[in-house]
N, C-alpha and C. Protein backbone atom coordinates (compact mmCIF):
# COMPACT_ATOMS: atom_id res chain seq x y z
N UNK A 1 50.24 -65.07 -12.51
CA UNK A 1 50.55 -65.77 -13.74
C UNK A 1 49.61 -65.37 -14.74
N UNK A 2 50.35 -65.07 -16.34
CA UNK A 2 49.63 -64.77 -17.23
C UNK A 2 48.45 -66.03 -17.65
N UNK A 3 47.29 -65.65 -18.06
CA UNK A 3 46.37 -66.52 -18.86
C UNK A 3 47.30 -67.25 -19.92
N UNK A 4 46.76 -68.58 -20.13
CA UNK A 4 47.28 -69.44 -21.13
C UNK A 4 46.20 -70.26 -22.04
N UNK A 5 46.39 -69.73 -23.09
CA UNK A 5 45.16 -70.40 -24.24
C UNK A 5 45.73 -71.53 -25.25
N UNK A 6 44.77 -72.35 -25.73
CA UNK A 6 45.51 -73.17 -26.57
C UNK A 6 44.45 -73.14 -27.68
N UNK A 7 44.84 -72.48 -28.88
CA UNK A 7 44.04 -72.55 -30.10
C UNK A 7 44.55 -73.16 -31.29
N UNK A 8 43.71 -73.18 -32.60
CA UNK A 8 44.59 -73.97 -33.45
C UNK A 8 43.73 -73.62 -34.85
N UNK A 9 44.54 -74.19 -36.01
CA UNK A 9 44.06 -73.90 -37.25
C UNK A 9 43.97 -75.22 -37.91
N UNK A 10 42.67 -75.84 -38.39
CA UNK A 10 42.62 -76.74 -39.28
C UNK A 10 42.54 -76.25 -40.87
N UNK A 11 43.21 -77.17 -41.68
CA UNK A 11 43.27 -77.07 -42.80
C UNK A 11 44.00 -77.95 -43.40
N UNK A 12 44.19 -77.91 -44.70
CA UNK A 12 45.01 -79.00 -45.69
C UNK A 12 46.15 -77.97 -46.54
N UNK A 13 47.57 -78.59 -45.92
CA UNK A 13 48.69 -77.99 -46.69
C UNK A 13 49.11 -76.44 -46.10
N UNK A 14 48.90 -76.47 -44.52
CA UNK A 14 48.94 -75.06 -44.08
C UNK A 14 50.33 -75.11 -43.27
N UNK A 15 51.15 -75.97 -43.62
CA UNK A 15 52.22 -76.10 -42.86
C UNK A 15 53.06 -74.86 -43.04
N UNK A 16 53.04 -74.02 -44.07
CA UNK A 16 53.86 -72.77 -44.24
C UNK A 16 52.92 -71.73 -43.34
N UNK A 17 51.60 -71.55 -43.07
CA UNK A 17 51.06 -70.70 -42.59
C UNK A 17 51.63 -69.86 -41.39
N UNK A 18 51.42 -68.62 -41.68
CA UNK A 18 52.15 -67.45 -40.60
C UNK A 18 50.96 -67.51 -39.42
N UNK A 19 50.07 -67.78 -39.49
CA UNK A 19 49.10 -67.93 -38.41
C UNK A 19 49.60 -67.71 -37.06
N UNK A 20 50.40 -69.16 -36.87
CA UNK A 20 50.79 -69.34 -35.36
C UNK A 20 51.55 -67.92 -35.05
N UNK A 21 52.60 -67.73 -35.73
CA UNK A 21 53.61 -66.56 -35.53
C UNK A 21 52.91 -65.34 -34.87
N UNK A 22 51.59 -65.03 -35.86
CA UNK A 22 51.09 -63.82 -35.85
C UNK A 22 50.07 -63.70 -34.60
N UNK A 23 49.47 -65.11 -34.67
CA UNK A 23 48.44 -64.92 -33.34
C UNK A 23 49.34 -65.01 -32.18
N UNK A 24 50.04 -65.82 -31.88
CA UNK A 24 50.99 -65.67 -30.61
C UNK A 24 51.61 -64.35 -30.36
N UNK A 25 52.01 -63.54 -31.60
CA UNK A 25 52.71 -62.38 -31.21
C UNK A 25 51.62 -61.40 -30.63
N UNK A 26 50.37 -61.55 -31.15
CA UNK A 26 49.36 -60.67 -30.84
C UNK A 26 48.70 -61.13 -29.15
N UNK A 27 48.65 -62.27 -29.26
CA UNK A 27 48.62 -62.56 -27.87
C UNK A 27 49.37 -62.06 -26.86
N UNK A 28 50.90 -62.22 -26.89
CA UNK A 28 51.99 -61.76 -26.08
C UNK A 28 51.67 -60.40 -25.76
N UNK A 29 51.45 -59.46 -27.17
CA UNK A 29 51.08 -57.74 -27.17
C UNK A 29 49.96 -57.84 -25.91
N UNK A 30 49.22 -58.75 -25.66
CA UNK A 30 47.68 -58.45 -24.65
C UNK A 30 48.13 -59.14 -23.62
N UNK A 31 49.43 -59.53 -23.16
CA UNK A 31 49.85 -60.56 -21.86
C UNK A 31 49.26 -61.70 -21.94
N UNK A 32 48.94 -62.52 -23.07
CA UNK A 32 48.36 -63.51 -22.99
C UNK A 32 49.43 -64.74 -23.50
N UNK A 33 49.59 -65.92 -22.85
CA UNK A 33 50.37 -66.64 -23.32
C UNK A 33 49.63 -67.89 -24.04
N UNK A 34 49.63 -67.92 -25.49
CA UNK A 34 49.04 -68.73 -26.37
C UNK A 34 50.12 -69.63 -27.10
N UNK A 35 49.40 -70.76 -27.28
CA UNK A 35 49.77 -71.54 -28.15
C UNK A 35 48.85 -71.89 -29.44
N UNK A 36 49.42 -71.66 -30.70
CA UNK A 36 48.37 -71.89 -31.65
C UNK A 36 48.99 -72.69 -32.42
N UNK A 37 48.24 -73.97 -32.58
CA UNK A 37 48.47 -75.31 -33.25
C UNK A 37 47.83 -75.60 -34.59
N UNK A 38 48.82 -75.80 -35.64
CA UNK A 38 48.35 -76.13 -36.88
C UNK A 38 48.11 -77.42 -36.71
N UNK A 39 46.83 -78.15 -37.15
CA UNK A 39 46.52 -78.99 -37.73
C UNK A 39 46.22 -79.50 -39.15
N UNK A 40 47.16 -80.24 -39.69
CA UNK A 40 47.11 -80.10 -41.20
C UNK A 40 46.44 -81.37 -41.75
N UNK A 41 45.20 -81.45 -42.30
CA UNK A 41 44.41 -82.52 -42.78
C UNK A 41 45.42 -83.32 -43.92
N UNK A 42 46.11 -83.00 -44.27
CA UNK A 42 47.26 -83.79 -45.33
C UNK A 42 47.80 -84.81 -44.69
N UNK A 43 48.09 -84.51 -43.15
CA UNK A 43 48.66 -85.50 -42.62
C UNK A 43 47.99 -86.91 -42.39
N UNK A 44 46.75 -86.51 -42.55
CA UNK A 44 45.79 -87.79 -42.56
C UNK A 44 45.39 -88.55 -43.76
N UNK A 45 45.40 -89.70 -43.95
CA UNK A 45 44.98 -90.14 -45.10
C UNK A 45 43.31 -90.03 -45.53
N UNK A 46 42.80 -89.71 -44.72
CA UNK A 46 41.25 -89.74 -44.45
C UNK A 46 40.76 -88.70 -44.90
N UNK A 47 41.47 -87.34 -44.80
CA UNK A 47 41.02 -86.38 -45.41
C UNK A 47 40.05 -85.54 -44.27
N UNK A 48 39.03 -84.91 -44.89
CA UNK A 48 38.14 -84.21 -44.29
C UNK A 48 37.03 -85.01 -43.54
N UNK A 49 37.16 -86.29 -43.54
CA UNK A 49 36.22 -86.91 -42.79
C UNK A 49 36.61 -86.95 -41.34
N UNK A 50 37.94 -86.67 -40.89
CA UNK A 50 38.50 -86.68 -39.62
C UNK A 50 37.56 -85.22 -38.79
N UNK A 51 37.53 -84.72 -39.82
CA UNK A 51 37.19 -83.46 -39.10
C UNK A 51 36.03 -83.41 -37.98
N UNK A 52 34.90 -83.77 -37.90
CA UNK A 52 34.02 -84.09 -36.51
C UNK A 52 35.04 -84.69 -35.48
N UNK A 53 35.90 -85.67 -35.67
CA UNK A 53 36.74 -86.10 -34.37
C UNK A 53 37.69 -85.21 -34.23
N UNK A 54 38.23 -84.19 -34.85
CA UNK A 54 39.19 -83.26 -34.61
C UNK A 54 38.58 -82.03 -33.70
N UNK A 55 37.27 -81.55 -34.32
CA UNK A 55 36.32 -80.81 -33.39
C UNK A 55 36.17 -81.30 -31.88
N UNK A 56 35.64 -82.59 -31.81
CA UNK A 56 35.49 -83.31 -30.56
C UNK A 56 36.87 -83.43 -30.04
N UNK A 57 37.98 -83.93 -30.52
CA UNK A 57 39.27 -83.56 -29.77
C UNK A 57 39.89 -82.44 -29.29
N UNK A 58 39.45 -81.54 -29.99
CA UNK A 58 39.57 -80.10 -29.41
C UNK A 58 38.62 -79.63 -28.21
N UNK A 59 37.48 -79.96 -28.18
CA UNK A 59 36.61 -79.80 -27.08
C UNK A 59 37.29 -80.49 -25.70
N UNK A 60 37.53 -81.77 -25.94
CA UNK A 60 38.22 -82.57 -24.86
C UNK A 60 39.62 -82.03 -24.42
N UNK A 61 40.12 -81.49 -25.43
CA UNK A 61 41.67 -80.88 -25.23
C UNK A 61 41.43 -79.33 -24.73
N UNK A 62 40.30 -78.92 -24.55
CA UNK A 62 39.98 -77.47 -24.10
C UNK A 62 40.54 -76.45 -24.84
N UNK A 63 40.48 -76.64 -26.13
CA UNK A 63 40.69 -75.71 -27.06
C UNK A 63 40.02 -74.16 -26.67
N UNK A 64 40.64 -73.12 -26.50
CA UNK A 64 39.87 -71.97 -26.66
C UNK A 64 39.24 -71.57 -27.91
N UNK A 65 39.85 -72.24 -28.96
CA UNK A 65 39.16 -71.61 -30.15
C UNK A 65 39.82 -72.30 -31.53
N UNK A 66 38.84 -72.33 -32.56
CA UNK A 66 39.74 -73.07 -33.77
C UNK A 66 39.50 -72.16 -35.01
N UNK A 67 40.18 -72.09 -35.81
CA UNK A 67 39.86 -71.59 -37.26
C UNK A 67 40.11 -72.62 -38.10
N UNK A 68 39.18 -72.57 -39.10
CA UNK A 68 38.90 -73.72 -39.98
C UNK A 68 39.06 -73.11 -41.58
N UNK A 69 40.04 -73.59 -42.30
CA UNK A 69 40.30 -73.02 -43.58
C UNK A 69 40.12 -73.86 -44.60
N UNK A 70 39.76 -73.52 -45.78
CA UNK A 70 39.40 -74.41 -46.85
C UNK A 70 40.13 -73.53 -48.21
N UNK A 71 40.78 -74.50 -49.09
CA UNK A 71 41.25 -75.60 -49.04
C UNK A 71 41.85 -76.46 -48.23
C-alpha cells in the first residue's frame, strides 16, 4: 500500500487555488497518496483569530504539513 498524507493550505479567499491539484499530482508522480485540503478563513466570521485553533486541530488530525498564505 502506498503512503498516505494529509496536507493543507490555510488562507482567505483561496477556493480557486490550484494548489490541491498541483500538490496531489506531484505526490502521485512520486507514488504518494495525498489529500491537500483547502481551509478558507472566509468561511469563518471570526477570520484570523481561529488560526491557532486550526493549527492545533491540524496537529490532532495528523496533518503532515500546512501552508499558510496571506491575505
